[in-house]
Amino acid sequence: MNGTRAAAGFLVAALLLTGCASRSGEPATSSPSVSLGDEAPAPTATSDPALSDEDPEVVAAEAGFKALIAASDAAFQAGFSDPALNDAVLRLTPSDDLDHQVAGIAAMRRYGVAKVGDTQVRSVRAIEHVGDPSRSGGSIVTLTACVDRTATDLVFVETGVSMDTVADLAPYRGVGLVQVRMQDRPDGEWRVERIDPGPEGSC
């Protein structure tokens, strides 16, 4: 495979797996929606002061988002070679986004790329909470989170050489604000329903 083409493939797959690419598969240059769902407002750093960070559903939603970040890091650091780690990511993935995640995992395994370093969630806050009175699953909490990938790298598993020798990793690295819509399920697990990336360096 042509080196430039391969590098482009690596980057698009990595961006899809980290919620930073558009649905067309091209690296995002603005602030597109990266998960299917109803239209959501543009990301904003403001929050409703009436929302309590101690509300059990808000706490659970924040934990669910951080769990997805941690699961994605663990699977990516293993080069997506561990089925159990991959399943942990897919279990938390929105059903509408599942095909994209499966394709991204397959691509990274095929290209032999892994992640080094951990994604940091600098801050997270709730900006909207729509409760489900029946408590049967269906409550929605919308969060804004500051995600920091500056200490991470993508490397070729066989050589340990950084991918930045063949591709510009700037779209992957960096600090950015994302708006995340979390929904609880009947099994009690909170999952990401939609992620909208904000402008880089906004937090």
C-alpha atoms as a PDB file:
ATOM      1  CA  MET A   1       0.000   0.000   0.000  1.00  0.00           C
ATOM      2  CA  ASN A   2       1.223   3.465  -0.872  1.00  0.00           C
ATOM      3  CA  GLY A   3       2.756   5.095   2.248  1.00  0.00           C
ATOM      4  CA  THR A   4       0.776   8.318   1.934  1.00  0.00           C
ATOM      5  CA  ARG A   5      -2.476   6.446   1.396  1.00  0.00           C
ATOM      6  CA  ALA A   6      -1.764   4.179   4.338  1.00  0.00           C
ATOM      7  CA  ALA A   7      -1.011   7.160   6.570  1.00  0.00           C
ATOM      8  CA  ALA A   8      -4.288   8.778   5.596  1.00  0.00           C
ATOM      9  CA  GLY A   9      -6.104   5.568   6.386  1.00  0.00           C
ATOM     10  CA  PHE A  10      -4.412   5.328   9.793  1.00  0.00           C
ATOM     11  CA  LEU A  11      -5.399   8.870  10.711  1.00  0.00           C
ATOM     12  CA  VAL A  12      -9.017   8.626   9.596  1.00  0.00           C
ATOM     13  CA  ALA A  13      -9.434   5.384  11.551  1.00  0.00           C
ATOM     14  CA  ALA A  14      -7.857   6.939  14.642  1.00  0.00           C
ATOM     15  CA  LEU A  15     -10.093   9.998  14.410  1.00  0.00           C
ATOM     16  CA  LEU A  16     -13.212   7.874  14.054  1.00  0.00           C
ATOM     17  CA  LEU A  17     -12.242   5.910  17.139  1.00  0.00           C
ATOM     18  CA  THR A  18     -11.723   9.062  19.198  1.00  0.00           C
ATOM     19  CA  GLY A  19     -14.785  10.999  18.064  1.00  0.00           C
ATOM     20  CA  CYS A  20     -12.929  13.569  16.002  1.00  0.00           C
ATOM     21  CA  ALA A  21     -13.874  12.802  12.409  1.00  0.00           C
ATOM     22  CA  SER A  22     -16.889  13.626  10.296  1.00  0.00           C
ATOM     23  CA  ARG A  23     -19.270  10.983   9.032  1.00  0.00           C
ATOM     24  CA  SER A  24     -17.755  11.200   5.575  1.00  0.00           C
ATOM     25  CA  GLY A  25     -14.560   9.747   7.026  1.00  0.00           C
ATOM     26  CA  GLU A  26     -12.539  12.918   6.487  1.00  0.00           C
ATOM     27  CA  PRO A  27     -10.713  14.546   9.416  1.00  0.00           C
ATOM     28  CA  ALA A  28     -12.881  17.296  10.843  1.00  0.00           C
ATOM     29  CA  THR A  29     -11.861  20.851  10.069  1.00  0.00           C
ATOM     30  CA  SER A  30     -14.762  22.522  11.847  1.00  0.00           C
ATOM     31  CA  SER A  31     -17.178  21.193  14.452  1.00  0.00           C
ATOM     32  CA  PRO A  32     -19.281  18.434  12.844  1.00  0.00           C
ATOM     33  CA  SER A  33     -21.489  15.921  14.593  1.00  0.00           C
ATOM     34  CA  VAL A  34     -19.658  12.624  14.940  1.00  0.00           C
ATOM     35  CA  SER A  35     -22.466  10.423  16.227  1.00  0.00           C
ATOM     36  CA  LEU A  36     -25.915   9.930  14.785  1.00  0.00           C
ATOM     37  CA  GLY A  37     -28.949  11.174  16.666  1.00  0.00           C
ATOM     38  CA  ASP A  38     -31.301  14.110  16.926  1.00  0.00           C
ATOM     39  CA  GLU A  39     -29.883  17.555  16.367  1.00  0.00           C
ATOM     40  CA  ALA A  40     -28.111  18.965  19.418  1.00  0.00           C
ATOM     41  CA  PRO A  41     -26.994  22.527  20.180  1.00  0.00           C
ATOM     42  CA  ALA A  42     -23.432  23.555  19.432  1.00  0.00           C
ATOM     43  CA  PRO A  43     -20.919  22.815  22.198  1.00  0.00           C
ATOM     44  CA  THR A  44     -20.744  25.462  24.878  1.00  0.00           C
ATOM     45  CA  ALA A  45     -18.756  25.856  28.064  1.00  0.00           C
ATOM     46  CA  THR A  46     -21.694  27.325  29.988  1.00  0.00           C
ATOM     47  CA  SER A  47     -23.863  25.270  32.316  1.00  0.00           C
ATOM     48  CA  ASP A  48     -27.165  25.607  34.126  1.00  0.00           C
ATOM     49  CA  PRO A  49     -26.333  26.606  37.710  1.00  0.00           C
ATOM     50  CA  ALA A  50     -29.431  24.692  38.861  1.00  0.00           C
ATOM     51  CA  LEU A  51     -27.798  21.398  37.890  1.00  0.00           C
ATOM     52  CA  SER A  52     -26.061  19.656  40.769  1.00  0.00           C
ATOM     53  CA  ASP A  53     -22.803  17.786  40.303  1.00  0.00           C
ATOM     54  CA  GLU A  54     -23.933  15.616  43.201  1.00  0.00           C
ATOM     55  CA  ASP A  55     -27.110  14.396  41.481  1.00  0.00           C
ATOM     56  CA  PRO A  56     -26.750  10.581  41.249  1.00  0.00           C
ATOM     57  CA  GLU A  57     -27.654  10.513  37.550  1.00  0.00           C
ATOM     58  CA  VAL A  58     -25.204  13.311  36.724  1.00  0.00           C
ATOM     59  CA  VAL A  59     -22.469  11.496  38.649  1.00  0.00           C
ATOM     60  CA  ALA A  60     -23.298   8.244  36.834  1.00  0.00           C
ATOM     61  CA  ALA A  61     -23.294   9.949  33.424  1.00  0.00           C
ATOM     62  CA  GLU A  62     -19.900  11.546  34.066  1.00  0.00           C
ATOM     63  CA  ALA A  63     -18.532   8.182  35.184  1.00  0.00           C
ATOM     64  CA  GLY A  64     -19.933   6.545  32.044  1.00  0.00           C
ATOM     65  CA  PHE A  65     -18.165   9.039  29.785  1.00  0.00           C
ATOM     66  CA  LYS A  66     -14.858   8.585  31.614  1.00  0.00           C
ATOM     67  CA  ALA A  67     -15.326   4.805  31.397  1.00  0.00           C
ATOM     68  CA  LEU A  68     -15.574   5.020  27.607  1.00  0.00           C
ATOM     69  CA  ILE A  69     -12.406   7.140  27.423  1.00  0.00           C
ATOM     70  CA  ALA A  70     -10.532   4.656  29.642  1.00  0.00           C
ATOM     71  CA  ALA A  71     -11.838   1.635  27.709  1.00  0.00           C
ATOM     72  CA  SER A  72     -10.882   3.209  24.386  1.00  0.00           C
ATOM     73  CA  ASP A  73      -7.378   4.019  25.657  1.00  0.00           C
ATOM     74  CA  ALA A  74      -6.841   0.473  26.947  1.00  0.00           C
ATOM     75  CA  ALA A  75      -7.990  -1.163  23.718  1.00  0.00           C
ATOM     76  CA  PHE A  76      -6.034   1.264  21.531  1.00  0.00           C
ATOM     77  CA  GLN A  77      -2.871   0.840  23.616  1.00  0.00           C
ATOM     78  CA  ALA A  78      -3.129  -2.905  22.986  1.00  0.00           C
ATOM     79  CA  GLY A  79      -3.386  -2.254  19.269  1.00  0.00           C
ATOM     80  CA  PHE A  80      -6.965  -3.563  19.384  1.00  0.00           C
ATOM     81  CA  SER A  81      -5.512  -7.069  19.605  1.00  0.00           C
ATOM     82  CA  ASP A  82      -7.419  -7.995  22.779  1.00  0.00           C
ATOM     83  CA  PRO A  83     -11.037  -9.017  22.010  1.00  0.00           C
ATOM     84  CA  ALA A  84     -12.131  -8.409  25.621  1.00  0.00           C
ATOM     85  CA  LEU A  85     -10.827  -4.822  25.545  1.00  0.00           C
ATOM     86  CA  ASN A  86     -12.427  -4.243  22.146  1.00  0.00           C
ATOM     87  CA  ASP A  87     -15.758  -5.542  23.423  1.00  0.00           C
ATOM     88  CA  ALA A  88     -15.568  -3.138  26.358  1.00  0.00           C
ATOM     89  CA  VAL A  89     -15.397  -0.226  23.901  1.00  0.00           C
ATOM     90  CA  LEU A  90     -18.155  -1.544  21.656  1.00  0.00           C
ATOM     91  CA  ARG A  91     -20.460  -2.171  24.618  1.00  0.00           C
ATOM     92  CA  LEU A  92     -20.347   1.556  25.430  1.00  0.00           C
ATOM     93  CA  THR A  93     -20.658   2.646  21.784  1.00  0.00           C
ATOM     94  CA  PRO A  94     -23.997   4.022  20.501  1.00  0.00           C
ATOM     95  CA  SER A  95     -25.757   1.437  18.348  1.00  0.00           C
ATOM     96  CA  ASP A  96     -25.983   3.949  15.478  1.00  0.00           C
ATOM     97  CA  ASP A  97     -22.205   4.355  15.596  1.00  0.00           C
ATOM     98  CA  LEU A  98     -21.291   0.694  15.987  1.00  0.00           C
ATOM     99  CA  ASP A  99     -20.418   0.032  12.334  1.00  0.00           C
ATOM    100  CA  HIS A 100     -17.998   2.976  12.309  1.00  0.00           C
ATOM    101  CA  GLN A 101     -16.277   1.786  15.480  1.00  0.00           C
ATOM    102  CA  VAL A 102     -15.979  -1.790  14.220  1.00  0.00           C
ATOM    103  CA  ALA A 103     -14.502  -0.525  10.942  1.00  0.00           C
ATOM    104  CA  GLY A 104     -12.055   1.707  12.804  1.00  0.00           C
ATOM    105  CA  ILE A 105     -10.876  -1.129  15.032  1.00  0.00           C
ATOM    106  CA  ALA A 106     -10.394  -3.411  12.024  1.00  0.00           C
ATOM    107  CA  ALA A 107      -8.407  -0.723  10.198  1.00  0.00           C
ATOM    108  CA  MET A 108      -6.062  -0.045  13.114  1.00  0.00           C
ATOM    109  CA  ARG A 109      -5.395  -3.761  13.552  1.00  0.00           C
ATOM    110  CA  ARG A 110      -4.750  -4.122   9.833  1.00  0.00           C
ATOM    111  CA  TYR A 111      -2.330  -1.197   9.798  1.00  0.00           C
ATOM    112  CA  GLY A 112      -0.574  -2.322  12.985  1.00  0.00           C
ATOM    113  CA  VAL A 113      -0.981   0.926  14.919  1.00  0.00           C
ATOM    114  CA  ALA A 114      -1.302   1.387  18.679  1.00  0.00           C
ATOM    115  CA  LYS A 115      -1.672   4.302  21.035  1.00  0.00           C
ATOM    116  CA  VAL A 116       0.906   5.410  23.609  1.00  0.00           C
ATOM    117  CA  GLY A 117      -0.108   7.520  26.599  1.00  0.00           C
ATOM    118  CA  ASP A 118      -3.436   8.279  28.218  1.00  0.00           C
ATOM    119  CA  THR A 119      -6.211  10.642  27.215  1.00  0.00           C
ATOM    120  CA  GLN A 120      -6.906  13.053  30.058  1.00  0.00           C
ATOM    121  CA  VAL A 121     -10.354  14.395  30.904  1.00  0.00           C
ATOM    122  CA  ARG A 122      -9.412  17.760  32.393  1.00  0.00           C
ATOM    123  CA  SER A 123     -12.917  18.702  33.402  1.00  0.00           C
ATOM    124  CA  VAL A 124     -16.502  17.635  32.901  1.00  0.00           C
ATOM    125  CA  ARG A 125     -19.763  19.352  33.783  1.00  0.00           C
ATOM    126  CA  ALA A 126     -23.448  18.763  33.201  1.00  0.00           C
ATOM    127  CA  ILE A 127     -25.355  21.330  31.146  1.00  0.00           C
ATOM    128  CA  GLU A 128     -28.683  19.526  30.802  1.00  0.00           C
ATOM    129  CA  HIS A 129     -30.484  16.735  32.669  1.00  0.00           C
ATOM    130  CA  VAL A 130     -33.712  15.215  31.420  1.00  0.00           C
ATOM    131  CA  GLY A 131     -34.829  12.632  33.955  1.00  0.00           C
ATOM    132  CA  ASP A 132     -36.913   9.514  33.388  1.00  0.00           C
ATOM    133  CA  PRO A 133     -39.586   9.314  36.126  1.00  0.00           C
ATOM    134  CA  SER A 134     -40.066   5.589  35.518  1.00  0.00           C
ATOM    135  CA  ARG A 135     -36.394   4.919  36.286  1.00  0.00           C
ATOM    136  CA  SER A 136     -36.504   2.215  33.615  1.00  0.00           C
ATOM    137  CA  GLY A 137     -33.752   3.723  31.469  1.00  0.00           C
ATOM    138  CA  GLY A 138     -34.087   6.786  29.326  1.00  0.00           C
ATOM    139  CA  SER A 139     -32.718   9.631  31.416  1.00  0.00           C
ATOM    140  CA  ILE A 140     -30.419  11.888  29.422  1.00  0.00           C
ATOM    141  CA  VAL A 141     -27.552  13.986  30.747  1.00  0.00           C
ATOM    142  CA  THR A 142     -25.655  16.296  28.409  1.00  0.00           C
ATOM    143  CA  LEU A 143     -22.093  17.067  29.435  1.00  0.00           C
ATOM    144  CA  THR A 144     -19.307  19.327  28.278  1.00  0.00           C
ATOM    145  CA  ALA A 145     -15.854  17.862  28.778  1.00  0.00           C
ATOM    146  CA  CYS A 146     -12.345  19.122  28.213  1.00  0.00           C
ATOM    147  CA  VAL A 147     -10.377  16.280  26.605  1.00  0.00           C
ATOM    148  CA  ASP A 148      -6.582  16.426  26.439  1.00  0.00           C
ATOM    149  CA  ARG A 149      -4.653  14.145  24.027  1.00  0.00           C
ATOM    150  CA  THR A 150      -1.394  16.121  24.023  1.00  0.00           C
ATOM    151  CA  ALA A 151       0.483  13.391  25.927  1.00  0.00           C
ATOM    152  CA  THR A 152      -0.529  10.648  23.492  1.00  0.00           C
ATOM    153  CA  ASP A 153       1.031   9.299  20.326  1.00  0.00           C
ATOM    154  CA  LEU A 154       0.172   6.765  17.639  1.00  0.00           C
ATOM    155  CA  VAL A 155       2.964   4.303  16.874  1.00  0.00           C
ATOM    156  CA  PHE A 156       3.590   1.350  14.596  1.00  0.00           C
ATOM    157  CA  VAL A 157       3.434  -1.741  16.799  1.00  0.00           C
ATOM    158  CA  GLU A 158       6.299  -3.623  15.129  1.00  0.00           C
ATOM    159  CA  THR A 159       8.823  -0.773  15.275  1.00  0.00           C
ATOM    160  CA  GLY A 160       7.555   1.596  17.944  1.00  0.00           C
ATOM    161  CA  VAL A 161       8.076   4.470  15.480  1.00  0.00           C
ATOM    162  CA  SER A 162       5.620   7.340  15.710  1.00  0.00           C
ATOM    163  CA  MET A 163       3.067   7.704  12.971  1.00  0.00           C
ATOM    164  CA  ASP A 164       4.026  11.363  12.692  1.00  0.00           C
ATOM    165  CA  THR A 165       6.889  10.239  10.452  1.00  0.00           C
ATOM    166  CA  VAL A 166       4.319   9.562   7.715  1.00  0.00           C
ATOM    167  CA  ALA A 167       1.278  11.618   8.723  1.00  0.00           C
ATOM    168  CA  ASP A 168       0.393  14.900  10.398  1.00  0.00           C
ATOM    169  CA  LEU A 169      -0.988  13.951  13.805  1.00  0.00           C
ATOM    170  CA  ALA A 170      -2.075  17.499  14.648  1.00  0.00           C
ATOM    171  CA  PRO A 171      -5.779  16.673  14.042  1.00  0.00           C
ATOM    172  CA  TYR A 172      -5.465  13.811  16.539  1.00  0.00           C
ATOM    173  CA  ARG A 173      -3.388  15.448  19.244  1.00  0.00           C
ATOM    174  CA  GLY A 174      -4.445  18.497  21.183  1.00  0.00           C
ATOM    175  CA  VAL A 175      -6.905  19.779  23.740  1.00  0.00           C
ATOM    176  CA  GLY A 176     -10.549  20.290  22.898  1.00  0.00           C
ATOM    177  CA  LEU A 177     -14.014  20.770  24.277  1.00  0.00           C
ATOM    178  CA  VAL A 178     -16.611  18.133  23.448  1.00  0.00           C
ATOM    179  CA  GLN A 179     -20.325  18.029  24.147  1.00  0.00           C
ATOM    180  CA  VAL A 180     -21.501  14.563  25.085  1.00  0.00           C
ATOM    181  CA  ARG A 181     -25.045  13.276  25.392  1.00  0.00           C
ATOM    182  CA  MET A 182     -25.251  10.328  27.793  1.00  0.00           C
ATOM    183  CA  GLN A 183     -28.270   8.071  28.252  1.00  0.00           C
ATOM    184  CA  ASP A 184     -28.908   5.433  30.863  1.00  0.00           C
ATOM    185  CA  ARG A 185     -30.146   2.018  29.829  1.00  0.00           C
ATOM    186  CA  PRO A 186     -32.420  -0.498  31.560  1.00  0.00           C
ATOM    187  CA  ASP A 187     -29.303  -2.440  32.595  1.00  0.00           C
ATOM    188  CA  GLY A 188     -28.192   0.617  34.593  1.00  0.00           C
ATOM    189  CA  GLU A 189     -25.209   1.410  32.357  1.00  0.00           C
ATOM    190  CA  TRP A 190     -24.775   4.925  30.986  1.00  0.00           C
ATOM    191  CA  ARG A 191     -23.653   5.059  27.377  1.00  0.00           C
ATOM    192  CA  VAL A 192     -22.629   7.763  24.956  1.00  0.00           C
ATOM    193  CA  GLU A 193     -25.432   8.612  22.549  1.00  0.00           C
ATOM    194  CA  ARG A 194     -23.751  11.469  20.719  1.00  0.00           C
ATOM    195  CA  ILE A 195     -20.509  13.442  20.753  1.00  0.00           C
ATOM    196  CA  ASP A 196     -20.039  16.852  19.148  1.00  0.00           C
ATOM    197  CA  PRO A 197     -16.456  18.158  19.051  1.00  0.00           C
ATOM    198  CA  GLY A 198     -15.806  21.788  19.913  1.00  0.00           C
ATOM    199  CA  PRO A 199     -12.967  23.951  18.575  1.00  0.00           C
ATOM    200  CA  GLU A 200      -9.442  22.878  19.481  1.00  0.00           C
ATOM    201  CA  GLY A 201      -7.863  24.760  22.346  1.00  0.00           C
ATOM    202  CA  SER A 202     -11.230  25.920  23.666  1.00  0.00           C
ATOM    203  CA  CYS A 203     -10.648  24.654  27.186  1.00  0.00           C
END
